[in-house]
Amino acid sequence: MITQYLMMEETWFIVGMVLIILDLSVGLQFFALSFGLGGICTGVLLYLSGKLGQMGFPVIETWTGALFSFAALSLVLLLPIRKYLYRGTDNLGDINEY
């Protein structure tokens, strides 16, 4: 039953949006942002898999492929996002130094 939901692109869009909203509202230091974007990218891949699968080019065929693409995309997006968002914070110094 849950495997059916893992193969629906709507599920991944919802998971991605929930993770992005959670990260921006709670302040998880942009950790869940990469997983949210990974979920949205997985939803896009599943959507394209449905369209390209009709032409004979399936992108994601099983629920394990969907989970693997979610994990891989999330981890690949984690490092560039953190590096971009924290690019100028090292040389600010301490606020208590006079």
C-alpha atoms as a PDB file:
ATOM      1  CA  MET A   1       0.000   0.000   0.000  1.00  0.00           C
ATOM      2  CA  ILE A   2       2.697   2.502   0.925  1.00  0.00           C
ATOM      3  CA  THR A   3       4.646   1.497  -2.157  1.00  0.00           C
ATOM      4  CA  GLN A   4       1.814   2.887  -4.276  1.00  0.00           C
ATOM      5  CA  TYR A   5       2.209   6.259  -2.578  1.00  0.00           C
ATOM      6  CA  LEU A   6       5.970   6.209  -3.113  1.00  0.00           C
ATOM      7  CA  MET A   7       5.414   5.972  -6.856  1.00  0.00           C
ATOM      8  CA  MET A   8       3.081   8.992  -7.012  1.00  0.00           C
ATOM      9  CA  GLU A   9       4.704  12.309  -7.881  1.00  0.00           C
ATOM     10  CA  GLU A  10       2.115  14.181  -5.806  1.00  0.00           C
ATOM     11  CA  THR A  11       3.405  12.458  -2.666  1.00  0.00           C
ATOM     12  CA  TRP A  12       6.931  13.668  -3.313  1.00  0.00           C
ATOM     13  CA  PHE A  13       5.758  17.221  -4.050  1.00  0.00           C
ATOM     14  CA  ILE A  14       3.855  17.279  -0.745  1.00  0.00           C
ATOM     15  CA  VAL A  15       6.791  15.812   1.197  1.00  0.00           C
ATOM     16  CA  GLY A  16       9.124  18.351  -0.385  1.00  0.00           C
ATOM     17  CA  MET A  17       6.901  21.315   0.408  1.00  0.00           C
ATOM     18  CA  VAL A  18       6.343  20.164   4.005  1.00  0.00           C
ATOM     19  CA  LEU A  19      10.088  19.792   4.554  1.00  0.00           C
ATOM     20  CA  ILE A  20      10.833  23.212   3.058  1.00  0.00           C
ATOM     21  CA  ILE A  21       8.143  24.904   5.162  1.00  0.00           C
ATOM     22  CA  LEU A  22       9.350  23.035   8.267  1.00  0.00           C
ATOM     23  CA  ASP A  23      12.921  24.113   7.683  1.00  0.00           C
ATOM     24  CA  LEU A  24      12.082  27.755   7.083  1.00  0.00           C
ATOM     25  CA  SER A  25       9.663  28.001  10.001  1.00  0.00           C
ATOM     26  CA  VAL A  26      11.573  26.057  12.670  1.00  0.00           C
ATOM     27  CA  GLY A  27      15.084  27.012  11.615  1.00  0.00           C
ATOM     28  CA  LEU A  28      16.882  23.733  11.087  1.00  0.00           C
ATOM     29  CA  GLN A  29      19.929  25.477   9.559  1.00  0.00           C
ATOM     30  CA  PHE A  30      18.786  24.606   6.028  1.00  0.00           C
ATOM     31  CA  PHE A  31      19.232  20.857   6.604  1.00  0.00           C
ATOM     32  CA  ALA A  32      15.646  19.919   5.738  1.00  0.00           C
ATOM     33  CA  LEU A  33      15.707  22.348   2.800  1.00  0.00           C
ATOM     34  CA  SER A  34      17.950  20.021   0.811  1.00  0.00           C
ATOM     35  CA  PHE A  35      15.683  17.065   1.588  1.00  0.00           C
ATOM     36  CA  GLY A  36      12.666  19.116   0.556  1.00  0.00           C
ATOM     37  CA  LEU A  37      14.294  20.025  -2.734  1.00  0.00           C
ATOM     38  CA  GLY A  38      15.296  16.372  -3.151  1.00  0.00           C
ATOM     39  CA  GLY A  39      11.648  15.384  -2.691  1.00  0.00           C
ATOM     40  CA  ILE A  40      10.498  17.906  -5.281  1.00  0.00           C
ATOM     41  CA  CYS A  41      13.192  16.733  -7.714  1.00  0.00           C
ATOM     42  CA  THR A  42      12.081  13.142  -7.153  1.00  0.00           C
ATOM     43  CA  GLY A  43       8.518  14.184  -7.939  1.00  0.00           C
ATOM     44  CA  VAL A  44       9.716  15.800 -11.154  1.00  0.00           C
ATOM     45  CA  LEU A  45      11.650  12.652 -12.069  1.00  0.00           C
ATOM     46  CA  LEU A  46       8.579  10.517 -11.433  1.00  0.00           C
ATOM     47  CA  TYR A  47       6.483  12.844 -13.573  1.00  0.00           C
ATOM     48  CA  LEU A  48       9.048  12.681 -16.362  1.00  0.00           C
ATOM     49  CA  SER A  49       9.254   8.933 -15.926  1.00  0.00           C
ATOM     50  CA  GLY A  50       5.546   8.689 -16.637  1.00  0.00           C
ATOM     51  CA  LYS A  51       5.868  10.834 -19.739  1.00  0.00           C
ATOM     52  CA  LEU A  52       9.131   9.333 -21.026  1.00  0.00           C
ATOM     53  CA  GLY A  53       8.033   5.815 -20.059  1.00  0.00           C
ATOM     54  CA  GLN A  54       5.362   6.014 -22.720  1.00  0.00           C
ATOM     55  CA  MET A  55       8.123   6.604 -25.263  1.00  0.00           C
ATOM     56  CA  GLY A  56      10.236   3.722 -23.970  1.00  0.00           C
ATOM     57  CA  PHE A  57      12.631   5.666 -21.702  1.00  0.00           C
ATOM     58  CA  PRO A  58      11.625   4.945 -18.094  1.00  0.00           C
ATOM     59  CA  VAL A  59      13.532   7.037 -15.542  1.00  0.00           C
ATOM     60  CA  ILE A  60      12.243   5.518 -12.283  1.00  0.00           C
ATOM     61  CA  GLU A  61      10.514   2.159 -12.466  1.00  0.00           C
ATOM     62  CA  THR A  62      10.219   0.926  -8.845  1.00  0.00           C
ATOM     63  CA  TRP A  63       9.633   2.383  -5.397  1.00  0.00           C
ATOM     64  CA  THR A  64      13.212   1.537  -4.418  1.00  0.00           C
ATOM     65  CA  GLY A  65      14.396   3.674  -7.321  1.00  0.00           C
ATOM     66  CA  ALA A  66      12.246   6.526  -6.037  1.00  0.00           C
ATOM     67  CA  LEU A  67      13.701   6.229  -2.537  1.00  0.00           C
ATOM     68  CA  PHE A  68      17.235   5.980  -3.893  1.00  0.00           C
ATOM     69  CA  SER A  69      16.784   9.043  -6.092  1.00  0.00           C
ATOM     70  CA  PHE A  70      15.333  10.965  -3.127  1.00  0.00           C
ATOM     71  CA  ALA A  71      18.291  10.070  -0.917  1.00  0.00           C
ATOM     72  CA  ALA A  72      20.899  10.685  -3.604  1.00  0.00           C
ATOM     73  CA  LEU A  73      19.443  14.004  -4.757  1.00  0.00           C
ATOM     74  CA  SER A  74      19.037  15.227  -1.180  1.00  0.00           C
ATOM     75  CA  LEU A  75      22.628  14.458  -0.273  1.00  0.00           C
ATOM     76  CA  VAL A  76      23.957  15.900  -3.527  1.00  0.00           C
ATOM     77  CA  LEU A  77      22.020  19.132  -2.910  1.00  0.00           C
ATOM     78  CA  LEU A  78      23.019  19.373   0.766  1.00  0.00           C
ATOM     79  CA  LEU A  79      26.640  20.428   0.302  1.00  0.00           C
ATOM     80  CA  PRO A  80      26.153  23.154  -2.336  1.00  0.00           C
ATOM     81  CA  ILE A  81      23.203  24.654  -0.449  1.00  0.00           C
ATOM     82  CA  ARG A  82      25.092  24.822   2.838  1.00  0.00           C
ATOM     83  CA  LYS A  83      28.219  26.148   1.138  1.00  0.00           C
ATOM     84  CA  TYR A  84      26.224  28.846  -0.668  1.00  0.00           C
ATOM     85  CA  LEU A  85      24.210  29.935   2.369  1.00  0.00           C
ATOM     86  CA  TYR A  86      27.172  30.011   4.761  1.00  0.00           C
ATOM     87  CA  ARG A  87      29.667  31.558   2.332  1.00  0.00           C
ATOM     88  CA  GLY A  88      30.440  34.774   4.219  1.00  0.00           C
ATOM     89  CA  THR A  89      29.918  33.952   7.868  1.00  0.00           C
ATOM     90  CA  ASP A  90      33.442  32.806   8.804  1.00  0.00           C
ATOM     91  CA  ASN A  91      35.147  36.194   8.805  1.00  0.00           C
ATOM     92  CA  LEU A  92      32.535  38.206  10.705  1.00  0.00           C
ATOM     93  CA  GLY A  93      34.250  37.761  14.050  1.00  0.00           C
ATOM     94  CA  ASP A  94      32.763  37.682  17.492  1.00  0.00           C
ATOM     95  CA  ILE A  95      30.129  40.240  18.451  1.00  0.00           C
ATOM     96  CA  ASN A  96      31.671  40.547  21.916  1.00  0.00           C
ATOM     97  CA  GLU A  97      35.105  41.662  20.707  1.00  0.00           C
ATOM     98  CA  TYR A  98      35.728  45.403  21.152  1.00  0.00           C
END
